[in-house]
Every structure is written in C-alpha cells, then in structure tokens.
C-alpha cells in the first residue's frame, strides 16, 4: 500500500474545475493531524513546485499563481487532503502530487490535470 494516493485529476477546458484528493494511507492519525501537508505539481519539462500547503491548525498558503482560484483543505478523520481548483488555466496543466511540507514521505503516482485552452 502506497503512503500517498492521489486522485481526482482529469481533462477540462479553461475555466473549469476539479477537486483533487490525497489520502495518506499509511500515516497514523496522531502523526497526520499536526503535519503540514502540501500539494505540488510538475508541468512537462519543469521541476516540481509547491502549489499550496495547510498546517495542522488549517493555516493555508498558496503560490501566487493560484491564489483566489485554488483552495486546500483537510479531513483529519480520513487522513485526506483536498485541492479544489476553480477557473483552471492552461498553465495549471501538470501532474499533481501531495506530500508533507518536508517532502519526507514516499511520493505517490500523482494525478494528471490537463487544461485545454
């Protein structure tokens, strides 16, 4: 069983929405709850970048390019982190991954988001 399982990606037109989910399957709840979790993305030919993060206290941070369009949230009982993505743009295309902010878990397979203009 992988440590991180991402889902929810797909192909949408610009202006569309998607909701990504990431389950930290092998984290125990007492570890997950205080851990800052994050979503990352990797566009073709580019390095993986941090998109959004959420602390155990639910303080959120976003890269400037997604502010006002993306919303990160978490459900501690389900050990799951979500990324609601609205008004998607072509530049949001990429493979999306979750991990801790320290990136200390084994990376999952990610979920592909493709936005057509």
C-alpha atoms as a PDB file:
ATOM      1  CA  UNK A   1       0.000   0.000   0.000  1.00  0.00           C
ATOM      2  CA  UNK A   2       1.434   3.318  -1.038  1.00  0.00           C
ATOM      3  CA  UNK A   3       1.891   6.036   1.516  1.00  0.00           C
ATOM      4  CA  UNK A   4       0.147   8.678  -0.573  1.00  0.00           C
ATOM      5  CA  UNK A   5      -2.671   8.073  -3.009  1.00  0.00           C
ATOM      6  CA  UNK A   6      -3.774  10.973  -5.205  1.00  0.00           C
ATOM      7  CA  UNK A   7      -6.952  11.049  -7.280  1.00  0.00           C
ATOM      8  CA  UNK A   8      -9.399  13.391  -8.970  1.00  0.00           C
ATOM      9  CA  UNK A   9      -7.433  14.627 -11.940  1.00  0.00           C
ATOM     10  CA  UNK A  10      -8.791  14.842 -15.444  1.00  0.00           C
ATOM     11  CA  UNK A  11      -9.082  16.881 -18.607  1.00  0.00           C
ATOM     12  CA  UNK A  12     -11.039  20.112 -18.530  1.00  0.00           C
ATOM     13  CA  UNK A  13     -11.401  23.242 -20.563  1.00  0.00           C
ATOM     14  CA  UNK A  14     -10.045  26.538 -19.320  1.00  0.00           C
ATOM     15  CA  UNK A  15     -12.365  27.969 -16.720  1.00  0.00           C
ATOM     16  CA  UNK A  16     -13.375  24.547 -15.464  1.00  0.00           C
ATOM     17  CA  UNK A  17     -12.960  22.988 -12.024  1.00  0.00           C
ATOM     18  CA  UNK A  18     -11.521  19.865 -10.486  1.00  0.00           C
ATOM     19  CA  UNK A  19     -11.209  18.578  -6.938  1.00  0.00           C
ATOM     20  CA  UNK A  20      -8.152  16.536  -6.103  1.00  0.00           C
ATOM     21  CA  UNK A  21      -7.896  14.175  -3.143  1.00  0.00           C
ATOM     22  CA  UNK A  22      -4.874  12.713  -1.423  1.00  0.00           C
ATOM     23  CA  UNK A  23      -5.118  10.007   1.188  1.00  0.00           C
ATOM     24  CA  UNK A  24      -2.164   9.469   3.482  1.00  0.00           C
ATOM     25  CA  UNK A  25      -2.938   5.799   3.766  1.00  0.00           C
ATOM     26  CA  UNK A  26      -0.092   4.711   5.965  1.00  0.00           C
ATOM     27  CA  UNK A  27       0.193   7.693   8.288  1.00  0.00           C
ATOM     28  CA  UNK A  28      -1.266   7.202  11.715  1.00  0.00           C
ATOM     29  CA  UNK A  29      -3.775   9.808  12.728  1.00  0.00           C
ATOM     30  CA  UNK A  30      -1.699  11.201  15.588  1.00  0.00           C
ATOM     31  CA  UNK A  31       1.081  11.900  13.098  1.00  0.00           C
ATOM     32  CA  UNK A  32      -1.118  13.178  10.279  1.00  0.00           C
ATOM     33  CA  UNK A  33      -3.117  15.653  12.313  1.00  0.00           C
ATOM     34  CA  UNK A  34      -0.314  18.086  13.219  1.00  0.00           C
ATOM     35  CA  UNK A  35       1.614  17.631   9.984  1.00  0.00           C
ATOM     36  CA  UNK A  36       1.666  20.383   7.391  1.00  0.00           C
ATOM     37  CA  UNK A  37       0.547  18.797   4.145  1.00  0.00           C
ATOM     38  CA  UNK A  38       1.019  20.217   0.699  1.00  0.00           C
ATOM     39  CA  UNK A  39       0.128  19.862  -2.949  1.00  0.00           C
ATOM     40  CA  UNK A  40       2.841  20.022  -5.576  1.00  0.00           C
ATOM     41  CA  UNK A  41       2.695  19.958  -9.335  1.00  0.00           C
ATOM     42  CA  UNK A  42       5.095  19.157 -12.111  1.00  0.00           C
ATOM     43  CA  UNK A  43       4.498  20.565 -15.568  1.00  0.00           C
ATOM     44  CA  UNK A  44       6.128  18.918 -18.581  1.00  0.00           C
ATOM     45  CA  UNK A  45       9.798  19.809 -18.737  1.00  0.00           C
ATOM     46  CA  UNK A  46       9.716  21.685 -15.439  1.00  0.00           C
ATOM     47  CA  UNK A  47      10.675  20.966 -11.867  1.00  0.00           C
ATOM     48  CA  UNK A  48       8.108  20.033  -9.284  1.00  0.00           C
ATOM     49  CA  UNK A  49       6.775  23.128  -7.498  1.00  0.00           C
ATOM     50  CA  UNK A  50       4.846  23.755  -4.318  1.00  0.00           C
ATOM     51  CA  UNK A  51       1.287  24.867  -5.036  1.00  0.00           C
ATOM     52  CA  UNK A  52      -0.459  25.005  -1.667  1.00  0.00           C
ATOM     53  CA  UNK A  53       0.028  23.924   1.930  1.00  0.00           C
ATOM     54  CA  UNK A  54      -2.104  23.528   5.026  1.00  0.00           C
ATOM     55  CA  UNK A  55      -0.922  23.269   8.602  1.00  0.00           C
ATOM     56  CA  UNK A  56      -2.446  21.145  11.323  1.00  0.00           C
ATOM     57  CA  UNK A  57      -4.212  24.304  12.503  1.00  0.00           C
ATOM     58  CA  UNK A  58      -5.554  24.724   8.956  1.00  0.00           C
ATOM     59  CA  UNK A  59      -3.483  27.770   8.091  1.00  0.00           C
ATOM     60  CA  UNK A  60      -3.137  27.798   4.319  1.00  0.00           C
ATOM     61  CA  UNK A  61      -0.591  29.171   1.885  1.00  0.00           C
ATOM     62  CA  UNK A  62      -0.612  29.333  -1.898  1.00  0.00           C
ATOM     63  CA  UNK A  63       1.752  30.098  -4.699  1.00  0.00           C
ATOM     64  CA  UNK A  64       0.809  33.467  -6.201  1.00  0.00           C
ATOM     65  CA  UNK A  65      -0.356  31.984  -9.491  1.00  0.00           C
ATOM     66  CA  UNK A  66      -3.219  30.046  -7.865  1.00  0.00           C
ATOM     67  CA  UNK A  67      -4.341  32.483  -5.176  1.00  0.00           C
ATOM     68  CA  UNK A  68      -8.064  33.109  -5.384  1.00  0.00           C
ATOM     69  CA  UNK A  69      -8.590  30.050  -7.614  1.00  0.00           C
ATOM     70  CA  UNK A  70      -7.406  27.070  -5.565  1.00  0.00           C
ATOM     71  CA  UNK A  71      -8.388  26.045  -2.048  1.00  0.00           C
ATOM     72  CA  UNK A  72      -6.609  23.424   0.042  1.00  0.00           C
ATOM     73  CA  UNK A  73      -8.392  21.673   2.885  1.00  0.00           C
ATOM     74  CA  UNK A  74      -8.011  18.580   5.024  1.00  0.00           C
ATOM     75  CA  UNK A  75     -10.124  15.964   6.745  1.00  0.00           C
ATOM     76  CA  UNK A  76      -8.085  14.586   9.616  1.00  0.00           C
ATOM     77  CA  UNK A  77     -10.515  11.767  10.361  1.00  0.00           C
ATOM     78  CA  UNK A  78      -9.985  10.487   6.826  1.00  0.00           C
ATOM     79  CA  UNK A  79      -6.289  11.415   6.699  1.00  0.00           C
ATOM     80  CA  UNK A  80      -7.090  13.140   3.444  1.00  0.00           C
ATOM     81  CA  UNK A  81      -6.069  16.436   1.884  1.00  0.00           C
ATOM     82  CA  UNK A  82      -8.073  18.103  -0.859  1.00  0.00           C
ATOM     83  CA  UNK A  83      -7.337  20.686  -3.514  1.00  0.00           C
ATOM     84  CA  UNK A  84     -10.318  22.458  -5.007  1.00  0.00           C
ATOM     85  CA  UNK A  85      -9.243  24.024  -8.273  1.00  0.00           C
ATOM     86  CA  UNK A  86     -11.523  26.557  -9.923  1.00  0.00           C
ATOM     87  CA  UNK A  87     -11.101  28.710 -13.014  1.00  0.00           C
ATOM     88  CA  UNK A  88      -8.391  26.367 -14.246  1.00  0.00           C
ATOM     89  CA  UNK A  89      -5.965  27.785 -16.752  1.00  0.00           C
ATOM     90  CA  UNK A  90      -3.754  26.145 -19.360  1.00  0.00           C
ATOM     91  CA  UNK A  91      -0.741  26.909 -17.161  1.00  0.00           C
ATOM     92  CA  UNK A  92      -2.208  24.668 -14.422  1.00  0.00           C
ATOM     93  CA  UNK A  93      -1.600  21.605 -16.588  1.00  0.00           C
ATOM     94  CA  UNK A  94       0.664  19.096 -14.917  1.00  0.00           C
ATOM     95  CA  UNK A  95       0.882  16.117 -12.641  1.00  0.00           C
ATOM     96  CA  UNK A  96      -0.228  16.904  -9.111  1.00  0.00           C
ATOM     97  CA  UNK A  97       1.228  15.256  -6.045  1.00  0.00           C
ATOM     98  CA  UNK A  98       0.768  15.600  -2.332  1.00  0.00           C
ATOM     99  CA  UNK A  99       3.332  15.158   0.416  1.00  0.00           C
ATOM    100  CA  UNK A 100       4.278  16.715   3.695  1.00  0.00           C
ATOM    101  CA  UNK A 101       5.821  20.159   3.504  1.00  0.00           C
ATOM    102  CA  UNK A 102       9.120  18.449   4.347  1.00  0.00           C
ATOM    103  CA  UNK A 103       8.578  16.024   1.447  1.00  0.00           C
ATOM    104  CA  UNK A 104       9.566  13.175   3.724  1.00  0.00           C
ATOM    105  CA  UNK A 105       7.074  10.598   2.526  1.00  0.00           C
ATOM    106  CA  UNK A 106       7.481   8.386  -0.485  1.00  0.00           C
ATOM    107  CA  UNK A 107       5.958  10.158  -3.457  1.00  0.00           C
ATOM    108  CA  UNK A 108       2.775   8.692  -4.845  1.00  0.00           C
ATOM    109  CA  UNK A 109       1.933   8.345  -8.505  1.00  0.00           C
ATOM    110  CA  UNK A 110       0.201  11.690  -8.640  1.00  0.00           C
ATOM    111  CA  UNK A 111      -2.848  12.614 -10.642  1.00  0.00           C
ATOM    112  CA  UNK A 112      -2.784  14.259 -14.062  1.00  0.00           C
ATOM    113  CA  UNK A 113      -4.538  17.559 -14.698  1.00  0.00           C
ATOM    114  CA  UNK A 114      -4.835  18.692 -18.288  1.00  0.00           C
ATOM    115  CA  UNK A 115      -6.388  22.042 -19.127  1.00  0.00           C
ATOM    116  CA  UNK A 116      -7.160  22.889 -22.711  1.00  0.00           C
ATOM    117  CA  UNK A 117      -7.392  26.492 -23.793  1.00  0.00           C
END
